[in-house]
C-alpha atoms as a PDB file:
ATOM      1  CA  MET A   1      89.715  89.811  52.925  1.00  0.00           C
ATOM      2  CA  ASN A   2      89.396  93.142  51.171  1.00  0.00           C
ATOM      3  CA  ARG A   3      92.143  95.754  51.171  1.00  0.00           C
ATOM      4  CA  LYS A   4      90.549  97.908  53.915  1.00  0.00           C
ATOM      5  CA  GLY A   5      90.174  94.852  56.144  1.00  0.00           C
ATOM      6  CA  LEU A   6      93.776  93.833  55.590  1.00  0.00           C
ATOM      7  CA  VAL A   7      95.076  97.329  56.324  1.00  0.00           C
ATOM      8  CA  ALA A   8      92.924  97.527  59.483  1.00  0.00           C
ATOM      9  CA  ALA A   9      94.205  94.118  60.661  1.00  0.00           C
ATOM     10  CA  VAL A  10      97.844  95.118  60.111  1.00  0.00           C
ATOM     11  CA  VAL A  11      97.354  98.452  61.935  1.00  0.00           C
ATOM     12  CA  LEU A  12      95.677  96.669  64.874  1.00  0.00           C
ATOM     13  CA  MET A  13      98.531  94.134  65.080  1.00  0.00           C
ATOM     14  CA  ILE A  14     101.134  96.905  65.068  1.00  0.00           C
ATOM     15  CA  LEU A  15      99.262  98.848  67.762  1.00  0.00           C
ATOM     16  CA  ALA A  16      98.693  95.744  69.888  1.00  0.00           C
ATOM     17  CA  PHE A  17     102.352  94.730  69.652  1.00  0.00           C
ATOM     18  CA  GLY A  18     103.523  98.266  70.394  1.00  0.00           C
ATOM     19  CA  VAL A  19     101.269  98.651  73.439  1.00  0.00           C
ATOM     20  CA  ALA A  20     102.081  95.154  74.763  1.00  0.00           C
ATOM     21  CA  SER A  21     105.779  95.813  74.299  1.00  0.00           C
ATOM     22  CA  LEU A  22     105.522  99.162  76.049  1.00  0.00           C
ATOM     23  CA  VAL A  23     103.619  97.643  78.971  1.00  0.00           C
ATOM     24  CA  GLN A  24     106.166  94.840  79.344  1.00  0.00           C
ATOM     25  CA  THR A  25     109.290  96.994  79.165  1.00  0.00           C
ATOM     26  CA  ARG A  26     108.142 100.121  80.997  1.00  0.00           C
ATOM     27  CA  ILE A  27     107.229 100.175  84.625  1.00  0.00           C
ATOM     28  CA  VAL A  28     107.529 103.468  86.465  1.00  0.00           C
ATOM     29  CA  GLY A  29     108.707 106.822  85.259  1.00  0.00           C
ATOM     30  CA  GLY A  30     109.899 105.359  81.952  1.00  0.00           C
ATOM     31  CA  ALA A  31     112.419 103.029  83.627  1.00  0.00           C
ATOM     32  CA  GLU A  32     113.101  99.642  82.129  1.00  0.00           C
ATOM     33  CA  ALA A  33     111.334  96.881  84.090  1.00  0.00           C
ATOM     34  CA  ALA A  34     114.602  95.044  84.752  1.00  0.00           C
ATOM     35  CA  GLN A  35     116.056  98.219  86.271  1.00  0.00           C
ATOM     36  CA  ALA A  36     113.212  98.882  88.732  1.00  0.00           C
ATOM     37  CA  VAL A  37     113.194  96.867  91.946  1.00  0.00           C
ATOM     38  CA  ARG A  38     109.997  96.529  93.963  1.00  0.00           C
ATOM     39  CA  LEU A  39     110.922  97.133  97.598  1.00  0.00           C
ATOM     40  CA  THR A  40     107.497  96.747  99.150  1.00  0.00           C
ATOM     41  CA  SER A  41     103.885  96.342  98.095  1.00  0.00           C
ATOM     42  CA  GLY A  42     100.358  95.889  99.374  1.00  0.00           C
ATOM     43  CA  GLN A  43      96.715  95.962  98.412  1.00  0.00           C
ATOM     44  CA  PHE A  44      94.059  98.472  99.417  1.00  0.00           C
ATOM     45  CA  GLY A  45      91.417  96.804 101.565  1.00  0.00           C
ATOM     46  CA  GLY A  46      88.288  98.298 100.038  1.00  0.00           C
ATOM     47  CA  TRP A  47      85.671  99.852 102.321  1.00  0.00           C
ATOM     48  CA  ILE A  48      86.645 101.909 105.381  1.00  0.00           C
ATOM     49  CA  ASP A  49      82.965 102.752 105.927  1.00  0.00           C
ATOM     50  CA  ALA A  50      79.807 103.210 103.836  1.00  0.00           C
ATOM     51  CA  ILE A  51      81.274 106.229 102.011  1.00  0.00           C
ATOM     52  CA  HIS A  52      85.077 105.849 101.950  1.00  0.00           C
ATOM     53  CA  ARG A  53      86.720 103.202  99.789  1.00  0.00           C
ATOM     54  CA  ALA A  54      90.018 102.541  97.979  1.00  0.00           C
ATOM     55  CA  GLU A  55      90.953  99.577  95.786  1.00  0.00           C
ATOM     56  CA  GLY A  56      94.062  98.518  93.885  1.00  0.00           C
ATOM     57  CA  ASN A  57      97.726  98.039  94.655  1.00  0.00           C
ATOM     58  CA  ALA A  58     100.404 100.220  96.195  1.00  0.00           C
ATOM     59  CA  SER A  59     104.118  99.532  95.707  1.00  0.00           C
ATOM     60  CA  VAL A  60     107.405 101.281  96.315  1.00  0.00           C
ATOM     61  CA  TYR A  61     109.996 100.830  93.575  1.00  0.00           C
ATOM     62  CA  GLN A  62     113.643 101.791  93.501  1.00  0.00           C
ATOM     63  CA  LEU A  63     114.766 102.849  90.050  1.00  0.00           C
ATOM     64  CA  SER A  64     118.249 102.250  88.669  1.00  0.00           C
ATOM     65  CA  ASN A  65     119.152 105.904  89.356  1.00  0.00           C
ATOM     66  CA  GLY A  66     118.353 105.433  93.083  1.00  0.00           C
ATOM     67  CA  VAL A  67     115.052 107.324  93.013  1.00  0.00           C
ATOM     68  CA  ARG A  68     112.231 105.642  94.932  1.00  0.00           C
ATOM     69  CA  VAL A  69     108.663 105.893  93.688  1.00  0.00           C
ATOM     70  CA  VAL A  70     105.313 105.092  95.313  1.00  0.00           C
ATOM     71  CA  ARG A  71     103.165 103.584  92.554  1.00  0.00           C
ATOM     72  CA  LEU A  72      99.396 103.077  92.688  1.00  0.00           C
ATOM     73  CA  GLU A  73      98.154 100.512  90.157  1.00  0.00           C
ATOM     74  CA  ASN A  74      94.642  99.470  89.184  1.00  0.00           C
ATOM     75  CA  PHE A  75      93.710 102.199  91.625  1.00  0.00           C
ATOM     76  CA  LYS A  76      90.203 103.417  92.299  1.00  0.00           C
ATOM     77  CA  SER A  77      88.997 105.479  95.250  1.00  0.00           C
ATOM     78  CA  THR A  78      85.877 107.271  96.311  1.00  0.00           C
ATOM     79  CA  ASN A  79      86.332 110.850  95.184  1.00  0.00           C
ATOM     80  CA  GLY A  80      86.657 113.532  97.819  1.00  0.00           C
ATOM     81  CA  PRO A  81      88.139 116.935  98.556  1.00  0.00           C
ATOM     82  CA  ASN A  82      91.771 117.476  99.474  1.00  0.00           C
ATOM     83  CA  LEU A  83      92.891 113.834  99.093  1.00  0.00           C
ATOM     84  CA  TYR A  84      96.539 113.006  99.748  1.00  0.00           C
ATOM     85  CA  VAL A  85      98.795 109.950  99.651  1.00  0.00           C
ATOM     86  CA  TYR A  86     100.539 109.235 102.957  1.00  0.00           C
ATOM     87  CA  LEU A  87     102.897 106.655 104.364  1.00  0.00           C
ATOM     88  CA  SER A  88     101.933 105.534 107.865  1.00  0.00           C
ATOM     89  CA  GLY A  89     103.630 103.631 110.680  1.00  0.00           C
ATOM     90  CA  ASP A  90     100.305 101.871 111.315  1.00  0.00           C
ATOM     91  CA  PRO A  91      99.745  98.794 109.097  1.00  0.00           C
ATOM     92  CA  SER A  92      96.025  99.476 108.598  1.00  0.00           C
ATOM     93  CA  PRO A  93      94.871 102.876 109.848  1.00  0.00           C
ATOM     94  CA  ARG A  94      91.116 103.421 109.757  1.00  0.00           C
ATOM     95  CA  ASN A  95      91.046 106.942 111.195  1.00  0.00           C
ATOM     96  CA  SER A  96      93.166 110.083 111.501  1.00  0.00           C
ATOM     97  CA  ALA A  97      94.580 109.208 114.929  1.00  0.00           C
ATOM     98  CA  GLN A  98      95.807 105.790 113.745  1.00  0.00           C
ATOM     99  CA  LEU A  99      97.321 107.345 110.601  1.00  0.00           C
ATOM    100  CA  HIS A 100      99.445 109.764 112.627  1.00  0.00           C
ATOM    101  CA  GLU A 101     100.176 108.002 115.950  1.00  0.00           C
ATOM    102  CA  ASN A 102     103.069 105.788 114.779  1.00  0.00           C
ATOM    103  CA  GLY A 103     104.561 108.351 112.419  1.00  0.00           C
ATOM    104  CA  ASP A 104     103.471 109.464 108.976  1.00  0.00           C
ATOM    105  CA  PHE A 105     104.823 111.099 105.855  1.00  0.00           C
ATOM    106  CA  GLU A 106     102.814 113.109 103.335  1.00  0.00           C
ATOM    107  CA  VAL A 107     103.840 111.786  99.912  1.00  0.00           C
ATOM    108  CA  GLY A 108     101.748 114.214  97.876  1.00  0.00           C
ATOM    109  CA  ARG A 109      98.332 115.280  96.689  1.00  0.00           C
ATOM    110  CA  LEU A 110      96.387 112.419  95.051  1.00  0.00           C
ATOM    111  CA  LYS A 111      96.649 112.908  91.276  1.00  0.00           C
ATOM    112  CA  GLY A 112      93.319 111.250  90.535  1.00  0.00           C
ATOM    113  CA  ASN A 113      90.818 108.926  92.141  1.00  0.00           C
ATOM    114  CA  ILE A 114      91.096 106.438  89.249  1.00  0.00           C
ATOM    115  CA  GLY A 115      94.143 105.067  87.445  1.00  0.00           C
ATOM    116  CA  ASN A 116      97.823 104.253  87.758  1.00  0.00           C
ATOM    117  CA  GLN A 117     100.026 106.987  89.205  1.00  0.00           C
ATOM    118  CA  ASN A 118     103.550 107.604  90.531  1.00  0.00           C
ATOM    119  CA  TYR A 119     104.866 109.719  93.407  1.00  0.00           C
ATOM    120  CA  GLU A 120     108.586 110.307  93.875  1.00  0.00           C
ATOM    121  CA  LEU A 121     109.907 109.951  97.432  1.00  0.00           C
ATOM    122  CA  PRO A 122     112.683 112.120  98.840  1.00  0.00           C
ATOM    123  CA  ALA A 123     115.907 110.229  99.561  1.00  0.00           C
ATOM    124  CA  SER A 124     115.567 111.150 103.255  1.00  0.00           C
ATOM    125  CA  VAL A 125     112.425 109.001 103.787  1.00  0.00           C
ATOM    126  CA  ASP A 126     113.226 105.908 105.868  1.00  0.00           C
ATOM    127  CA  LEU A 127     110.880 103.245 104.470  1.00  0.00           C
ATOM    128  CA  SER A 128     111.527 100.914 107.406  1.00  0.00           C
ATOM    129  CA  LYS A 129     109.391 103.234 109.577  1.00  0.00           C
ATOM    130  CA  PHE A 130     106.259 102.854 107.449  1.00  0.00           C
ATOM    131  CA  LYS A 131     103.832  99.968 107.199  1.00  0.00           C
ATOM    132  CA  SER A 132     101.145 101.272 104.840  1.00  0.00           C
ATOM    133  CA  VAL A 133     100.213 103.606 102.008  1.00  0.00           C
ATOM    134  CA  VAL A 134      97.116 105.623 102.905  1.00  0.00           C
ATOM    135  CA  ILE A 135      94.626 107.764 100.994  1.00  0.00           C
ATOM    136  CA  TYR A 136      93.660 110.563 103.371  1.00  0.00           C
ATOM    137  CA  CYS A 137      91.341 113.585 103.243  1.00  0.00           C
ATOM    138  CA  ARG A 138      93.167 116.419 105.020  1.00  0.00           C
ATOM    139  CA  GLN A 139      90.133 118.706 104.970  1.00  0.00           C
ATOM    140  CA  PHE A 140      87.895 116.380 107.004  1.00  0.00           C
ATOM    141  CA  HIS A 141      90.611 114.198 108.625  1.00  0.00           C
ATOM    142  CA  VAL A 142      89.219 110.977 107.117  1.00  0.00           C
ATOM    143  CA  VAL A 143      91.037 107.871 105.872  1.00  0.00           C
ATOM    144  CA  PHE A 144      89.648 106.681 102.522  1.00  0.00           C
ATOM    145  CA  GLY A 145      91.758 103.526 102.361  1.00  0.00           C
ATOM    146  CA  SER A 146      95.055 101.899 103.271  1.00  0.00           C
ATOM    147  CA  ALA A 147      97.328  99.246 101.779  1.00  0.00           C
ATOM    148  CA  GLU A 148      99.489  97.334 104.246  1.00  0.00           C
ATOM    149  CA  LEU A 149     103.011  97.039 102.863  1.00  0.00           C
ATOM    150  CA  ALA A 150     104.954  93.756 102.804  1.00  0.00           C
ATOM    151  CA  HIS A 151     108.700  94.215 102.326  1.00  0.00           C
ATOM    152  CA  HIS A 152     110.352  92.093  99.616  1.00  0.00           C
END
């Protein structure tokens, strides 16, 4: 192997090890994996209708400092205006009425329709009241997807 090839191989190994190490030891908000406890999780069900879709996983973690975080992983959703992340008392809401009828909490504006993302929850939120994480368009009152949560 020539010198350039050797240098490239060493750089790739260092990068691969560094990224793998980072992925294994970091989970949410820079917390060590061993210090974050997954409280609940679920999977988005895909298509709500021909236009609205969300895929990936939703989890709620409690960090060692007591902060709770909603985390979307491997997330992908149809793009739309005014999308928000909600918690809902309905396990699988498919419309606005179902989202709101058993209680809901607006977690925050969706940061992006693709990719992993975190949303901090206020300490006052009672997770026992909620059964799903929902992607919701406030402008048109449309559910884009929901992930039923199973408590751990």
